[in-house]
C-alpha atoms as a PDB file:
ATOM      1  CA  MET A   1       1.348 -17.980  14.688  1.00  0.00           C
ATOM      2  CA  PRO A   2       2.810 -14.591  15.588  1.00  0.00           C
ATOM      3  CA  ILE A   3       4.854 -14.199  18.841  1.00  0.00           C
ATOM      4  CA  ARG A   4       2.893 -12.092  21.118  1.00  0.00           C
ATOM      5  CA  ARG A   5       4.780  -9.795  23.538  1.00  0.00           C
ATOM      6  CA  TYR A   6       3.272  -7.629  26.373  1.00  0.00           C
ATOM      7  CA  VAL A   7       1.750  -4.261  25.172  1.00  0.00           C
ATOM      8  CA  PRO A   8       0.454  -1.929  27.887  1.00  0.00           C
ATOM      9  CA  GLU A   9      -3.350  -1.963  28.147  1.00  0.00           C
ATOM     10  CA  ALA A  10      -3.670   1.672  27.188  1.00  0.00           C
ATOM     11  CA  HIS A  11      -2.155   1.111  23.803  1.00  0.00           C
ATOM     12  CA  ARG A  12      -4.499  -1.842  23.205  1.00  0.00           C
ATOM     13  CA  VAL A  13      -7.507   0.170  24.242  1.00  0.00           C
ATOM     14  CA  THR A  14      -6.398   3.067  21.924  1.00  0.00           C
ATOM     15  CA  VAL A  15      -5.946   0.976  19.074  1.00  0.00           C
ATOM     16  CA  MET A  16      -8.990  -1.026  19.412  1.00  0.00           C
ATOM     17  CA  HIS A  17     -10.962   2.187  20.073  1.00  0.00           C
ATOM     18  CA  ALA A  18      -9.683   3.756  16.920  1.00  0.00           C
ATOM     19  CA  LEU A  19     -10.402   0.679  14.965  1.00  0.00           C
ATOM     20  CA  ARG A  20     -14.188   0.522  16.113  1.00  0.00           C
ATOM     21  CA  ILE A  21     -14.771   4.135  15.728  1.00  0.00           C
ATOM     22  CA  GLY A  22     -13.457   4.102  12.133  1.00  0.00           C
ATOM     23  CA  PHE A  23     -15.388   1.210  10.967  1.00  0.00           C
ATOM     24  CA  LEU A  24     -18.505   2.454  12.479  1.00  0.00           C
ATOM     25  CA  PHE A  25     -18.119   5.790  10.729  1.00  0.00           C
ATOM     26  CA  VAL A  26     -17.616   3.790   7.335  1.00  0.00           C
ATOM     27  CA  ALA A  27     -20.837   2.005   7.835  1.00  0.00           C
ATOM     28  CA  LEU A  28     -22.686   5.421   8.780  1.00  0.00           C
ATOM     29  CA  ILE A  29     -21.305   6.819   5.427  1.00  0.00           C
ATOM     30  CA  ALA A  30     -22.346   3.786   3.400  1.00  0.00           C
ATOM     31  CA  GLY A  31     -25.875   4.009   4.893  1.00  0.00           C
ATOM     32  CA  SER A  32     -26.059   7.891   4.064  1.00  0.00           C
ATOM     33  CA  GLY A  33     -24.660   7.026   0.696  1.00  0.00           C
ATOM     34  CA  CYS A  34     -27.545   4.758  -0.096  1.00  0.00           C
ATOM     35  CA  ALA A  35     -30.153   7.085   1.085  1.00  0.00           C
ATOM     36  CA  SER A  36     -29.137   9.861  -1.277  1.00  0.00           C
ATOM     37  CA  ARG A  37     -28.259   7.618  -4.208  1.00  0.00           C
ATOM     38  CA  SER A  38     -30.395   9.570  -6.528  1.00  0.00           C
ATOM     39  CA  ALA A  39     -28.429  12.926  -5.918  1.00  0.00           C
ATOM     40  CA  GLN A  40     -25.004  11.777  -7.423  1.00  0.00           C
ATOM     41  CA  VAL A  41     -22.105  13.253  -5.410  1.00  0.00           C
ATOM     42  CA  ARG A  42     -18.916  13.877  -6.950  1.00  0.00           C
ATOM     43  CA  PRO A  43     -16.177  12.734  -4.868  1.00  0.00           C
ATOM     44  CA  SER A  44     -13.327  15.379  -4.277  1.00  0.00           C
ATOM     45  CA  LEU A  45      -9.946  15.018  -5.626  1.00  0.00           C
ATOM     46  CA  ASP A  46      -8.621  14.352  -2.237  1.00  0.00           C
ATOM     47  CA  ASP A  47     -11.062  11.565  -1.628  1.00  0.00           C
ATOM     48  CA  MET A  48     -10.340   9.773  -5.069  1.00  0.00           C
ATOM     49  CA  GLN A  49      -6.537  10.279  -4.775  1.00  0.00           C
ATOM     50  CA  VAL A  50      -6.094   6.597  -3.776  1.00  0.00           C
ATOM     51  CA  VAL A  51      -2.893   6.333  -5.632  1.00  0.00           C
ATOM     52  CA  ALA A  52      -0.698   9.353  -5.621  1.00  0.00           C
ATOM     53  CA  ALA A  53       2.226  10.167  -8.176  1.00  0.00           C
ATOM     54  CA  ASN A  54       4.832   9.419  -5.171  1.00  0.00           C
ATOM     55  CA  ASP A  55       2.830   6.461  -4.023  1.00  0.00           C
ATOM     56  CA  ILE A  56       2.227   4.357  -7.058  1.00  0.00           C
ATOM     57  CA  GLN A  57       1.912   0.794  -5.931  1.00  0.00           C
ATOM     58  CA  VAL A  58       4.186  -0.677  -8.396  1.00  0.00           C
ATOM     59  CA  PRO A  59       4.258  -4.425  -7.430  1.00  0.00           C
ATOM     60  CA  ASP A  60       4.271  -4.756  -3.632  1.00  0.00           C
ATOM     61  CA  ALA A  61       3.257  -7.419  -1.201  1.00  0.00           C
ATOM     62  CA  ASP A  62       0.797  -9.896  -2.198  1.00  0.00           C
ATOM     63  CA  ALA A  63      -0.938  -8.483  -5.487  1.00  0.00           C
ATOM     64  CA  LEU A  64       1.012  -9.306  -8.502  1.00  0.00           C
ATOM     65  CA  SER A  65      -0.738 -11.255 -11.430  1.00  0.00           C
ATOM     66  CA  ASP A  66      -1.082 -11.686 -15.006  1.00  0.00           C
ATOM     67  CA  ALA A  67      -4.877 -11.055 -14.559  1.00  0.00           C
ATOM     68  CA  ARG A  68      -6.866  -8.691 -16.712  1.00  0.00           C
ATOM     69  CA  PRO A  69      -7.245  -5.146 -15.659  1.00  0.00           C
ATOM     70  CA  LEU A  70      -9.549  -4.725 -12.549  1.00  0.00           C
ATOM     71  CA  ALA A  71     -11.810  -1.718 -13.179  1.00  0.00           C
ATOM     72  CA  ASP A  72     -15.181  -0.155 -12.183  1.00  0.00           C
ATOM     73  CA  ALA A  73     -18.281  -1.246 -14.131  1.00  0.00           C
ATOM     74  CA  HIS A  74     -18.128   1.993 -16.191  1.00  0.00           C
ATOM     75  CA  ALA A  75     -14.404   2.282 -16.585  1.00  0.00           C
ATOM     76  CA  VAL A  76     -13.066   2.156 -20.060  1.00  0.00           C
ATOM     77  CA  SER A  77      -9.509   0.856 -20.681  1.00  0.00           C
ATOM     78  CA  PRO A  78      -7.424   2.917 -23.125  1.00  0.00           C
ATOM     79  CA  PRO A  79      -6.742   1.309 -26.534  1.00  0.00           C
ATOM     80  CA  GLY A  80      -3.831  -1.087 -26.382  1.00  0.00           C
ATOM     81  CA  GLU A  81      -1.000   0.697 -25.192  1.00  0.00           C
ATOM     82  CA  ASP A  82       2.290  -0.357 -26.347  1.00  0.00           C
ATOM     83  CA  ALA A  83       4.436  -2.048 -23.730  1.00  0.00           C
ATOM     84  CA  ALA A  84       7.558  -0.329 -24.697  1.00  0.00           C
ATOM     85  CA  VAL A  85       5.850   3.149 -24.174  1.00  0.00           C
ATOM     86  CA  ILE A  86       4.865   1.900 -20.669  1.00  0.00           C
ATOM     87  CA  GLU A  87       8.316   0.791 -19.680  1.00  0.00           C
ATOM     88  CA  GLU A  88       9.807   4.131 -21.350  1.00  0.00           C
ATOM     89  CA  ASP A  89       7.485   6.086 -18.891  1.00  0.00           C
ATOM     90  CA  LEU A  90       8.530   3.990 -15.892  1.00  0.00           C
ATOM     91  CA  ALA A  91      12.380   4.693 -16.853  1.00  0.00           C
ATOM     92  CA  LEU A  92      11.458   8.327 -16.965  1.00  0.00           C
ATOM     93  CA  VAL A  93      10.073   8.357 -13.552  1.00  0.00           C
ATOM     94  CA  TYR A  94      12.300   6.117 -11.703  1.00  0.00           C
ATOM     95  CA  GLY A  95      15.400   5.939 -13.948  1.00  0.00           C
ATOM     96  CA  ASP A  96      17.389   2.668 -14.601  1.00  0.00           C
ATOM     97  CA  ALA A  97      18.255   0.366 -11.935  1.00  0.00           C
ATOM     98  CA  GLU A  98      20.554  -2.509 -12.123  1.00  0.00           C
ATOM     99  CA  VAL A  99      18.711  -5.668 -10.722  1.00  0.00           C
ATOM    100  CA  TRP A 100      20.810  -8.241  -8.830  1.00  0.00           C
ATOM    101  CA  ASP A 101      18.803 -11.392  -9.392  1.00  0.00           C
ATOM    102  CA  PRO A 102      21.189 -14.429  -9.164  1.00  0.00           C
ATOM    103  CA  TRP A 103      18.014 -16.591  -8.093  1.00  0.00           C
ATOM    104  CA  GLU A 104      16.070 -16.006 -11.104  1.00  0.00           C
ATOM    105  CA  LYS A 105      14.812 -19.489 -11.782  1.00  0.00           C
ATOM    106  CA  GLN A 106      13.639 -20.113  -8.385  1.00  0.00           C
ATOM    107  CA  ASN A 107      12.096 -16.404  -8.287  1.00  0.00           C
ATOM    108  CA  ARG A 108      10.265 -17.298 -11.560  1.00  0.00           C
ATOM    109  CA  ARG A 109       8.504 -20.255 -10.001  1.00  0.00           C
ATOM    110  CA  VAL A 110       7.361 -18.375  -7.005  1.00  0.00           C
ATOM    111  CA  HIS A 111       6.096 -15.494  -9.225  1.00  0.00           C
ATOM    112  CA  ARG A 112       3.926 -17.968 -11.429  1.00  0.00           C
ATOM    113  CA  PHE A 113       2.366 -19.285  -8.141  1.00  0.00           C
ATOM    114  CA  ASN A 114       1.779 -15.832  -6.976  1.00  0.00           C
ATOM    115  CA  THR A 115       0.197 -15.029 -10.349  1.00  0.00           C
ATOM    116  CA  VAL A 116      -2.304 -17.979 -10.055  1.00  0.00           C
ATOM    117  CA  VAL A 117      -3.264 -17.002  -6.583  1.00  0.00           C
ATOM    118  CA  ASP A 118      -3.761 -13.522  -7.610  1.00  0.00           C
ATOM    119  CA  ALA A 119      -5.731 -14.334 -10.530  1.00  0.00           C
ATOM    120  CA  HIS A 120      -8.207 -16.915  -8.803  1.00  0.00           C
ATOM    121  CA  VAL A 121      -8.455 -15.404  -5.273  1.00  0.00           C
ATOM    122  CA  LEU A 122      -7.427 -11.548  -4.953  1.00  0.00           C
ATOM    123  CA  ARG A 123      -8.391 -10.228  -8.217  1.00  0.00           C
ATOM    124  CA  PRO A 124     -11.918 -11.689  -7.928  1.00  0.00           C
ATOM    125  CA  LEU A 125     -12.332 -10.512  -4.386  1.00  0.00           C
ATOM    126  CA  ALA A 126     -11.047  -6.863  -5.251  1.00  0.00           C
ATOM    127  CA  ARG A 127     -13.368  -6.775  -8.347  1.00  0.00           C
ATOM    128  CA  ALA A 128     -16.393  -7.783  -6.011  1.00  0.00           C
ATOM    129  CA  TYR A 129     -15.248  -5.251  -3.451  1.00  0.00           C
ATOM    130  CA  THR A 130     -15.039  -2.369  -6.073  1.00  0.00           C
ATOM    131  CA  ARG A 131     -18.501  -3.139  -7.384  1.00  0.00           C
ATOM    132  CA  ALA A 132     -19.934  -3.286  -3.920  1.00  0.00           C
ATOM    133  CA  LEU A 133     -18.843  -0.074  -2.581  1.00  0.00           C
ATOM    134  CA  PRO A 134     -18.895   3.605  -3.961  1.00  0.00           C
ATOM    135  CA  ALA A 135     -15.499   5.068  -4.661  1.00  0.00           C
ATOM    136  CA  ARG A 136     -15.640   7.508  -1.626  1.00  0.00           C
ATOM    137  CA  ILE A 137     -16.210   4.659   0.684  1.00  0.00           C
ATOM    138  CA  ARG A 138     -13.463   2.761  -0.521  1.00  0.00           C
ATOM    139  CA  ALA A 139     -11.317   6.027  -0.298  1.00  0.00           C
ATOM    140  CA  GLY A 140     -12.123   6.353   3.343  1.00  0.00           C
ATOM    141  CA  VAL A 141     -10.987   2.590   4.051  1.00  0.00           C
ATOM    142  CA  THR A 142      -7.704   3.412   2.188  1.00  0.00           C
ATOM    143  CA  ARG A 143      -7.088   6.463   4.487  1.00  0.00           C
ATOM    144  CA  PHE A 144      -8.054   4.473   7.570  1.00  0.00           C
ATOM    145  CA  PHE A 145      -5.411   1.786   7.009  1.00  0.00           C
ATOM    146  CA  ARG A 146      -2.727   4.489   5.879  1.00  0.00           C
ATOM    147  CA  ASN A 147      -3.419   6.355   9.201  1.00  0.00           C
ATOM    148  CA  LEU A 148      -2.645   3.084  11.141  1.00  0.00           C
ATOM    149  CA  GLY A 149       0.704   3.247   9.356  1.00  0.00           C
ATOM    150  CA  GLU A 150       1.678   6.638  10.317  1.00  0.00           C
ATOM    151  CA  PRO A 151       3.453   5.957  13.578  1.00  0.00           C
ATOM    152  CA  ALA A 152       5.729   3.382  11.798  1.00  0.00           C
ATOM    153  CA  ASN A 153       6.414   6.153   8.968  1.00  0.00           C
ATOM    154  CA  ALA A 154       7.407   8.593  11.746  1.00  0.00           C
ATOM    155  CA  ILE A 155       9.934   6.177  13.317  1.00  0.00           C
ATOM    156  CA  ASN A 156      11.471   5.564   9.942  1.00  0.00           C
ATOM    157  CA  HIS A 157      11.504   9.183   9.108  1.00  0.00           C
ATOM    158  CA  ALA A 158      13.358   9.974  12.359  1.00  0.00           C
ATOM    159  CA  LEU A 159      15.881   6.958  11.694  1.00  0.00           C
ATOM    160  CA  GLN A 160      16.613   8.372   8.218  1.00  0.00           C
ATOM    161  CA  GLY A 161      17.457  11.826   9.439  1.00  0.00           C
ATOM    162  CA  HIS A 162      14.322  13.589   8.859  1.00  0.00           C
ATOM    163  CA  PRO A 163      13.182  14.846  12.338  1.00  0.00           C
ATOM    164  CA  GLY A 164      10.738  17.468  10.856  1.00  0.00           C
ATOM    165  CA  HIS A 165       8.960  14.875   8.681  1.00  0.00           C
ATOM    166  CA  SER A 166       8.718  12.636  11.686  1.00  0.00           C
ATOM    167  CA  LEU A 167       6.947  15.410  13.682  1.00  0.00           C
ATOM    168  CA  ALA A 168       4.677  16.225  10.952  1.00  0.00           C
ATOM    169  CA  THR A 169       3.631  12.791  10.333  1.00  0.00           C
ATOM    170  CA  LEU A 170       2.691  12.236  14.053  1.00  0.00           C
ATOM    171  CA  GLY A 171       0.826  15.411  13.859  1.00  0.00           C
ATOM    172  CA  ARG A 172      -1.149  14.129  11.157  1.00  0.00           C
ATOM    173  CA  PHE A 173      -1.655  10.761  12.922  1.00  0.00           C
ATOM    174  CA  ALA A 174      -3.249  12.698  15.969  1.00  0.00           C
ATOM    175  CA  LEU A 175      -5.326  14.991  14.035  1.00  0.00           C
ATOM    176  CA  ASN A 176      -6.688  12.253  11.653  1.00  0.00           C
ATOM    177  CA  THR A 177      -7.192   9.749  14.484  1.00  0.00           C
ATOM    178  CA  THR A 178      -9.334  12.152  16.459  1.00  0.00           C
ATOM    179  CA  LEU A 179     -10.942  14.817  14.145  1.00  0.00           C
ATOM    180  CA  GLY A 180     -10.757  12.434  11.103  1.00  0.00           C
ATOM    181  CA  VAL A 181     -12.600   9.662  12.984  1.00  0.00           C
ATOM    182  CA  GLY A 182      -9.984   6.973  13.207  1.00  0.00           C
ATOM    183  CA  GLY A 183      -8.182   8.181   9.969  1.00  0.00           C
ATOM    184  CA  VAL A 184     -11.548   7.840   7.806  1.00  0.00           C
ATOM    185  CA  PHE A 185     -11.197  11.323   6.952  1.00  0.00           C
ATOM    186  CA  ASP A 186      -8.166  13.469   6.324  1.00  0.00           C
ATOM    187  CA  PRO A 187      -8.442  16.908   8.106  1.00  0.00           C
ATOM    188  CA  ALA A 188      -4.776  17.143   8.565  1.00  0.00           C
ATOM    189  CA  SER A 189      -4.377  17.719   4.857  1.00  0.00           C
ATOM    190  CA  ARG A 190      -6.683  20.647   4.873  1.00  0.00           C
ATOM    191  CA  MET A 191      -4.868  22.103   7.807  1.00  0.00           C
ATOM    192  CA  GLY A 192      -1.542  22.075   5.809  1.00  0.00           C
ATOM    193  CA  LEU A 193       0.004  18.719   7.071  1.00  0.00           C
ATOM    194  CA  ARG A 194       0.189  16.994   3.783  1.00  0.00           C
ATOM    195  CA  ARG A 195       0.727  13.325   3.594  1.00  0.00           C
ATOM    196  CA  ARG A 196       4.105  12.001   2.956  1.00  0.00           C
ATOM    197  CA  ASP A 197       5.304   8.718   1.519  1.00  0.00           C
ATOM    198  CA  GLU A 198       5.095   5.604   3.380  1.00  0.00           C
ATOM    199  CA  GLU A 199       8.371   4.368   4.827  1.00  0.00           C
ATOM    200  CA  ASP A 200       9.622   0.982   6.041  1.00  0.00           C
ATOM    201  CA  VAL A 201      12.651  -0.289   7.589  1.00  0.00           C
ATOM    202  CA  GLY A 202      13.960  -1.523   4.192  1.00  0.00           C
ATOM    203  CA  GLN A 203      14.061   1.843   3.048  1.00  0.00           C
ATOM    204  CA  THR A 204      15.565   2.843   6.273  1.00  0.00           C
ATOM    205  CA  LEU A 205      18.511   0.470   5.891  1.00  0.00           C
ATOM    206  CA  GLY A 206      18.830   1.465   2.292  1.00  0.00           C
ATOM    207  CA  THR A 207      19.406   5.038   3.268  1.00  0.00           C
ATOM    208  CA  TRP A 208      22.206   3.822   5.966  1.00  0.00           C
ATOM    209  CA  GLY A 209      24.087   2.346   3.066  1.00  0.00           C
ATOM    210  CA  TRP A 210      22.655  -1.087   2.346  1.00  0.00           C
ATOM    211  CA  ARG A 211      21.728  -0.304  -1.197  1.00  0.00           C
ATOM    212  CA  ARG A 212      22.548  -3.364  -3.236  1.00  0.00           C
ATOM    213  CA  SER A 213      20.695  -6.598  -2.209  1.00  0.00           C
ATOM    214  CA  ARG A 214      19.680  -9.656  -4.131  1.00  0.00           C
ATOM    215  CA  TYR A 215      16.221  -9.709  -5.627  1.00  0.00           C
ATOM    216  CA  LEU A 216      13.644 -12.294  -3.853  1.00  0.00           C
ATOM    217  CA  VAL A 217      10.201 -13.125  -4.592  1.00  0.00           C
ATOM    218  CA  LEU A 218       8.377 -14.411  -1.631  1.00  0.00           C
ATOM    219  CA  PRO A 219       5.178 -16.619  -1.692  1.00  0.00           C
ATOM    220  CA  LEU A 220       2.122 -14.452  -1.500  1.00  0.00           C
ATOM    221  CA  LEU A 221       4.111 -11.294  -0.336  1.00  0.00           C
ATOM    222  CA  GLY A 222       5.695 -10.795  -3.904  1.00  0.00           C
ATOM    223  CA  PRO A 223       8.857  -8.854  -4.823  1.00  0.00           C
ATOM    224  CA  ARG A 224      11.385  -7.986  -2.080  1.00  0.00           C
ATOM    225  CA  THR A 225      15.206  -8.087  -1.772  1.00  0.00           C
ATOM    226  CA  VAL A 226      16.991  -9.857   1.009  1.00  0.00           C
ATOM    227  CA  ARG A 227      17.371  -6.515   2.823  1.00  0.00           C
ATOM    228  CA  ASP A 228      13.578  -5.965   2.586  1.00  0.00           C
ATOM    229  CA  THR A 229      12.789  -9.601   3.714  1.00  0.00           C
ATOM    230  CA  LEU A 230      15.011  -9.187   6.901  1.00  0.00           C
ATOM    231  CA  SER A 231      13.233  -5.824   7.629  1.00  0.00           C
ATOM    232  CA  LEU A 232       9.805  -7.487   7.675  1.00  0.00           C
ATOM    233  CA  VAL A 233      10.403  -8.497  11.241  1.00  0.00           C
ATOM    234  CA  ALA A 234      10.999  -5.108  12.374  1.00  0.00           C
ATOM    235  CA  ASP A 235       8.088  -3.787  10.334  1.00  0.00           C
ATOM    236  CA  GLN A 236       5.613  -6.286  11.868  1.00  0.00           C
ATOM    237  CA  ARG A 237       6.609  -5.249  15.380  1.00  0.00           C
ATOM    238  CA  VAL A 238       5.022  -1.808  14.790  1.00  0.00           C
ATOM    239  CA  ALA A 239       2.156  -3.119  12.999  1.00  0.00           C
ATOM    240  CA  PRO A 240      -1.039  -1.790  14.648  1.00  0.00           C
ATOM    241  CA  LEU A 241      -3.230  -4.833  13.684  1.00  0.00           C
ATOM    242  CA  ARG A 242      -0.583  -7.054  15.455  1.00  0.00           C
ATOM    243  CA  TYR A 243      -2.147  -5.651  18.682  1.00  0.00           C
ATOM    244  CA  VAL A 244      -5.647  -6.334  18.058  1.00  0.00           C
ATOM    245  CA  ASN A 245      -6.454  -9.118  20.742  1.00  0.00           C
ATOM    246  CA  ASP A 246      -9.758 -10.328  18.994  1.00  0.00           C
ATOM    247  CA  GLY A 247      -8.489 -13.166  16.349  1.00  0.00           C
ATOM    248  CA  THR A 248     -11.654 -12.925  14.196  1.00  0.00           C
ATOM    249  CA  THR A 249     -11.595  -8.938  14.333  1.00  0.00           C
ATOM    250  CA  ALA A 250      -7.694  -9.147  13.288  1.00  0.00           C
ATOM    251  CA  LEU A 251      -8.304 -11.496  10.751  1.00  0.00           C
ATOM    252  CA  ALA A 252     -11.065  -9.705   9.175  1.00  0.00           C
ATOM    253  CA  LEU A 253      -9.167  -6.377   9.051  1.00  0.00           C
ATOM    254  CA  GLN A 254      -6.018  -8.152   7.594  1.00  0.00           C
ATOM    255  CA  ALA A 255      -8.106  -9.400   4.808  1.00  0.00           C
ATOM    256  CA  LEU A 256      -9.891  -6.074   4.010  1.00  0.00           C
ATOM    257  CA  GLU A 257      -6.499  -4.505   4.021  1.00  0.00           C
ATOM    258  CA  VAL A 258      -5.163  -6.869   1.567  1.00  0.00           C
ATOM    259  CA  VAL A 259      -8.245  -6.457  -0.807  1.00  0.00           C
ATOM    260  CA  ASP A 260      -8.060  -2.872  -0.436  1.00  0.00           C
ATOM    261  CA  GLY A 261      -4.460  -2.750  -1.548  1.00  0.00           C
ATOM    262  CA  ARG A 262      -5.112  -4.967  -4.501  1.00  0.00           C
ATOM    263  CA  THR A 263      -7.737  -2.677  -6.057  1.00  0.00           C
ATOM    264  CA  GLN A 264      -5.085  -0.039  -6.124  1.00  0.00           C
ATOM    265  CA  LEU A 265      -3.000  -2.138  -8.509  1.00  0.00           C
ATOM    266  CA  ALA A 266      -5.704  -2.092 -11.286  1.00  0.00           C
ATOM    267  CA  ALA A 267      -3.895   0.390 -13.316  1.00  0.00           C
ATOM    268  CA  PHE A 268      -0.667  -1.622 -13.282  1.00  0.00           C
ATOM    269  CA  ASP A 269      -2.548  -4.518 -14.623  1.00  0.00           C
ATOM    270  CA  ASP A 270      -2.809  -2.805 -18.108  1.00  0.00           C
ATOM    271  CA  ALA A 271       0.962  -2.447 -18.320  1.00  0.00           C
ATOM    272  CA  ARG A 272       1.670  -5.969 -17.284  1.00  0.00           C
ATOM    273  CA  GLU A 273      -0.891  -7.374 -19.745  1.00  0.00           C
ATOM    274  CA  ASP A 274       1.076  -5.813 -22.572  1.00  0.00           C
ATOM    275  CA  ALA A 275       4.652  -6.755 -21.292  1.00  0.00           C
ATOM    276  CA  TYR A 276       6.625  -9.507 -23.141  1.00  0.00           C
ATOM    277  CA  ASP A 277       7.959 -11.077 -20.068  1.00  0.00           C
ATOM    278  CA  ASP A 278       5.749 -10.495 -17.001  1.00  0.00           C
ATOM    279  CA  TYR A 279       8.461 -11.477 -14.462  1.00  0.00           C
ATOM    280  CA  ALA A 280      11.002  -9.131 -15.829  1.00  0.00           C
ATOM    281  CA  PHE A 281       8.557  -6.326 -16.168  1.00  0.00           C
ATOM    282  CA  VAL A 282       7.550  -6.618 -12.574  1.00  0.00           C
ATOM    283  CA  ARG A 283      10.867  -7.271 -11.450  1.00  0.00           C
ATOM    284  CA  ASP A 284      12.376  -4.342 -13.140  1.00  0.00           C
ATOM    285  CA  ALA A 285       9.388  -1.815 -12.428  1.00  0.00           C
ATOM    286  CA  TRP A 286       9.619  -2.803  -8.629  1.00  0.00           C
ATOM    287  CA  SER A 287      13.372  -2.347  -8.520  1.00  0.00           C
ATOM    288  CA  GLN A 288      13.209   1.053 -10.087  1.00  0.00           C
ATOM    289  CA  ARG A 289      10.855   2.135  -7.672  1.00  0.00           C
ATOM    290  CA  ARG A 290      12.440   0.927  -4.670  1.00  0.00           C
ATOM    291  CA  VAL A 291      15.958   2.627  -5.719  1.00  0.00           C
ATOM    292  CA  HIS A 292      13.715   5.988  -6.416  1.00  0.00           C
ATOM    293  CA  GLN A 293      12.304   5.591  -2.712  1.00  0.00           C
ATOM    294  CA  ILE A 294      15.676   5.022  -1.073  1.00  0.00           C
ATOM    295  CA  GLU A 295      17.441   7.783  -3.037  1.00  0.00           C
ATOM    296  CA  ARG A 296      14.574  10.112  -2.230  1.00  0.00           C
ATOM    297  CA  ASP A 297      14.929   9.135   1.527  1.00  0.00           C
ATOM    298  CA  ALA A 298      18.639   9.545   1.787  1.00  0.00           C
ATOM    299  CA  PRO A 299      19.707  12.808   3.752  1.00  0.00           C
ATOM    300  CA  SER A 300      21.446  15.500   1.413  1.00  0.00           C
ATOM    301  CA  GLU A 301      25.112  15.984   2.068  1.00  0.00           C
END
């Protein structure tokens, strides 16, 4: 059970108000989408851009599996891509990263457990979610949760030595929370405040000098390092859903966030299925991406 701390009433009201308005608007969009189903609307590139180039959700948190690719009903998987080509592409994007994995035996056990949970729980839920909601509604849900993370992003930008990025991120949060109906829409991008990459305390510690850390796979949470595991405590302190007072509402929102995040890993499932060693593939891809994130955030000298 999470340890509760005192939070000013105004903060609680603000968070709850944004949550309620955001989900009310999602419901209204869903209703209007059903009424105009005969006139098919093509979602904009911004709406469909759930996974951007700098935001590829390579194994993160609670969604790693050996399961078959998750796809929409009409999606067609490309003919068998060679695993070597996939790994080569990842290397070109992220470069080579040395992985410190002294606990590989234990990590492999946890990885297998996570894979089973994903295949039997998360993947089926994500598949049902994908089939039940149109892409533009799912994109709105994704933007809603990303908007909730903007204050934490702003704090980490500042701690990493990027005050300009921090102020721009706070500006995005203010605009999208108000004009964007709790973050369901993204008017800030149309006004020139483009979305930046998500940040966390683990990345901040990395930019401060803690670059090398032991690889660790956590039950349900997936790949981490010791550095990133310790940073989870700080990350949770600024997580907005932590301050939702109603337990049922908080649990429902957390579950929706997990399922929404799992749907964004569908493209990565293709590469995993072709990998000779799934554990090594996930570990190396995740580690390469993490190194890229930290080097990108490090202030220039």
